Amino acid sequence: MNDPSASSTPQVPPAQTAGDGWEDCAPGQLAALGGRLRARSARRRWAVQGVGLAACVLLAAGVWGVSTLSAEEPPAARINCRECRKHFEAYEAFLTSKFWEADAKFEKGLARSMDAHLTRCNRCRNRFSDRFPGVLPTTVAMALPLVLYAQRRRRR
């Protein structure tokens, strides 16, 4: 009972030592495994951070794009019938992309003013359509029912 070797060595049951698949590790093997696990963990962190950064960049680009596209343009300047008729040829060249036939560059603001006037004014719209059949932009044609509806509602 007082055997010194028996007290310092733990007793392991025979079922755990024979055939359990566990062996002693070679020197440095656990350190190498720890290094590989740390490296894998670092790669995963970088991947997650990269995906997060990419998502933030895409979100920022989307917000910028939507804000740019949805930025309202200033309202079109109101022009009278005489001014509208004066710009018929240039407007037709603008709509049909015949810029070389127009005397001067047709500005976008003037185009919006022409669109707005032709949408409101039946007389100018009919004159333009008679003079340049099939050229009237679809934007004016599509907006016309809405404008007529709004005009009827204002009269009530």
Protein backbone atom coordinates (compact mmCIF):
# COMPACT_ATOMS: atom_id res chain seq x y z
CA MET A 1 0.00 0.00 0.00
CA ASN A 2 2.86 2.39 0.49
CA ASP A 3 4.30 1.84 -2.96
CA PRO A 4 5.63 5.27 -4.15
CA SER A 5 5.34 4.45 -7.87
CA ALA A 6 1.66 3.56 -7.56
CA SER A 7 0.72 6.88 -5.99
CA SER A 8 2.48 9.16 -8.55
CA THR A 9 1.15 7.50 -11.73
CA PRO A 10 -2.57 7.78 -12.28
CA GLN A 11 -4.35 4.58 -12.92
CA VAL A 12 -5.98 4.50 -16.40
CA PRO A 13 -8.57 1.86 -17.08
CA PRO A 14 -7.42 -0.60 -19.75
CA ALA A 15 -10.39 0.19 -22.11
CA GLN A 16 -9.15 3.79 -22.67
CA THR A 17 -5.61 2.95 -23.61
CA ALA A 18 -6.14 0.12 -26.03
CA GLY A 19 -7.71 0.87 -29.44
CA ASP A 20 -9.26 4.30 -28.68
CA GLY A 21 -7.40 6.03 -31.60
CA TRP A 22 -5.55 8.54 -29.46
CA GLU A 23 -1.80 8.80 -29.75
CA ASP A 24 0.80 11.14 -28.38
CA CYS A 25 1.29 14.26 -30.53
CA ALA A 26 4.64 14.92 -32.14
CA PRO A 27 6.50 17.95 -30.78
CA GLY A 28 5.15 21.17 -32.36
CA GLN A 29 2.07 19.55 -33.87
CA LEU A 30 -0.38 21.26 -31.52
CA ALA A 31 1.35 24.62 -32.04
CA ALA A 32 1.04 24.18 -35.84
CA LEU A 33 -2.63 23.27 -35.48
CA GLY A 34 -3.21 26.38 -33.34
CA GLY A 35 -1.45 28.54 -35.93
CA ARG A 36 -3.62 27.12 -38.75
CA LEU A 37 -6.80 27.70 -36.73
CA ARG A 38 -5.79 31.30 -35.95
CA ALA A 39 -4.99 31.94 -39.62
CA ARG A 40 -8.36 30.49 -40.71
CA SER A 41 -10.13 32.61 -38.12
CA ALA A 42 -8.31 35.72 -39.37
CA ARG A 43 -9.25 34.93 -43.00
CA ARG A 44 -12.88 34.53 -42.02
CA ARG A 45 -12.82 37.85 -40.15
CA TRP A 46 -11.34 39.57 -43.23
CA ALA A 47 -13.95 37.92 -45.45
CA VAL A 48 -16.80 39.06 -43.20
CA GLN A 49 -15.35 42.56 -42.98
CA GLY A 50 -14.85 42.62 -46.77
CA VAL A 51 -18.45 41.58 -47.39
CA GLY A 52 -19.63 44.19 -44.90
CA LEU A 53 -17.52 46.87 -46.57
CA ALA A 54 -18.77 45.87 -50.02
CA ALA A 55 -22.36 46.00 -48.76
CA CYS A 56 -21.77 49.48 -47.34
CA VAL A 57 -20.23 50.69 -50.60
CA LEU A 58 -23.13 49.26 -52.62
CA LEU A 59 -25.63 50.81 -50.25
CA ALA A 60 -23.91 54.19 -50.49
CA ALA A 61 -23.80 53.94 -54.29
CA GLY A 62 -27.48 53.01 -54.35
CA VAL A 63 -28.46 55.91 -52.11
CA TRP A 64 -26.38 58.30 -54.22
CA GLY A 65 -27.90 56.92 -57.45
CA VAL A 66 -31.45 57.17 -56.20
CA SER A 67 -30.92 60.66 -54.86
CA THR A 68 -29.33 61.73 -58.15
CA LEU A 69 -32.05 60.20 -60.29
CA SER A 70 -34.92 61.39 -58.14
CA ALA A 71 -33.59 64.92 -57.73
CA GLU A 72 -36.35 67.08 -59.02
CA GLU A 73 -35.47 69.42 -61.78
CA PRO A 74 -36.57 72.99 -61.44
CA PRO A 75 -40.00 73.61 -62.92
CA ALA A 76 -40.10 74.45 -66.58
CA ALA A 77 -40.25 78.13 -67.38
CA ARG A 78 -43.62 79.14 -68.73
CA ILE A 79 -43.50 80.28 -72.31
CA ASN A 80 -46.28 81.88 -74.33
CA CYS A 81 -47.72 80.66 -77.61
CA ARG A 82 -45.66 83.04 -79.74
CA GLU A 83 -42.40 81.85 -78.15
CA CYS A 84 -43.50 78.23 -78.50
CA ARG A 85 -44.26 78.63 -82.23
CA LYS A 86 -40.92 80.41 -82.71
CA HIS A 87 -39.07 77.28 -81.47
CA PHE A 88 -41.08 74.64 -83.39
CA GLU A 89 -38.28 73.78 -85.87
CA ALA A 90 -35.59 73.59 -83.21
CA TYR A 91 -37.86 71.49 -80.99
CA GLU A 92 -38.60 69.11 -83.85
CA ALA A 93 -34.86 68.80 -84.56
CA PHE A 94 -34.28 68.17 -80.86
CA LEU A 95 -36.93 65.43 -80.74
CA THR A 96 -35.71 63.70 -83.86
CA SER A 97 -32.01 64.12 -82.94
CA LYS A 98 -31.30 66.32 -85.95
CA PHE A 99 -29.18 68.77 -84.00
CA TRP A 100 -27.19 69.68 -87.11
CA GLU A 101 -30.36 71.09 -88.69
CA ALA A 102 -31.18 73.30 -85.72
CA ASP A 103 -29.80 76.84 -85.80
CA ALA A 104 -28.57 76.69 -82.23
CA LYS A 105 -28.28 74.06 -79.54
CA PHE A 106 -31.67 73.36 -78.08
CA GLU A 107 -31.31 73.57 -74.32
CA LYS A 108 -32.84 71.02 -72.01
CA GLY A 109 -34.66 73.74 -70.07
CA LEU A 110 -36.27 75.04 -73.25
CA ALA A 111 -37.25 71.49 -74.20
CA ARG A 112 -38.99 71.07 -70.83
CA SER A 113 -40.73 74.41 -71.32
CA MET A 114 -41.90 73.31 -74.77
CA ASP A 115 -43.11 69.98 -73.34
CA ALA A 116 -45.03 71.78 -70.61
CA HIS A 117 -46.56 74.32 -73.02
CA LEU A 118 -47.55 71.71 -75.61
CA THR A 119 -49.13 69.62 -72.85
CA ARG A 120 -51.22 72.57 -71.66
CA CYS A 121 -52.02 74.36 -74.92
CA ASN A 122 -54.31 72.58 -77.39
CA ARG A 123 -53.80 75.17 -80.12
CA CYS A 124 -49.97 74.93 -80.12
CA ARG A 125 -50.07 71.15 -79.78
CA ASN A 126 -52.40 70.89 -82.80
CA ARG A 127 -50.26 73.29 -84.85
CA PHE A 128 -47.10 71.35 -83.99
CA SER A 129 -48.77 68.02 -84.81
CA ASP A 130 -50.06 69.40 -88.14
CA ARG A 131 -46.65 70.76 -89.06
CA PHE A 132 -44.65 67.74 -87.84
CA PRO A 133 -46.97 64.72 -87.80
CA GLY A 134 -45.89 61.82 -85.59
CA VAL A 135 -43.09 63.75 -83.89
CA LEU A 136 -44.85 64.88 -80.73
CA PRO A 137 -43.06 63.11 -77.89
CA THR A 138 -44.77 60.36 -76.00
CA THR A 139 -44.14 62.24 -72.77
CA VAL A 140 -46.48 64.99 -73.92
CA ALA A 141 -48.99 62.47 -75.25
CA MET A 142 -48.88 60.45 -72.03
CA ALA A 143 -49.17 63.50 -69.79
CA LEU A 144 -52.12 64.94 -71.73
CA PRO A 145 -54.90 62.87 -70.07
CA LEU A 146 -53.57 63.79 -66.63
CA VAL A 147 -53.44 67.47 -67.51
CA LEU A 148 -56.97 67.40 -68.93
CA TYR A 149 -58.22 65.64 -65.81
CA ALA A 150 -56.52 68.23 -63.57
CA GLN A 151 -58.01 71.07 -65.63
CA ARG A 152 -61.51 69.59 -65.29
CA ARG A 153 -61.05 69.22 -61.51
CA ARG A 154 -59.96 72.87 -61.20
CA ARG A 155 -63.09 74.08 -63.03
CA ARG A 156 -65.41 72.38 -60.53
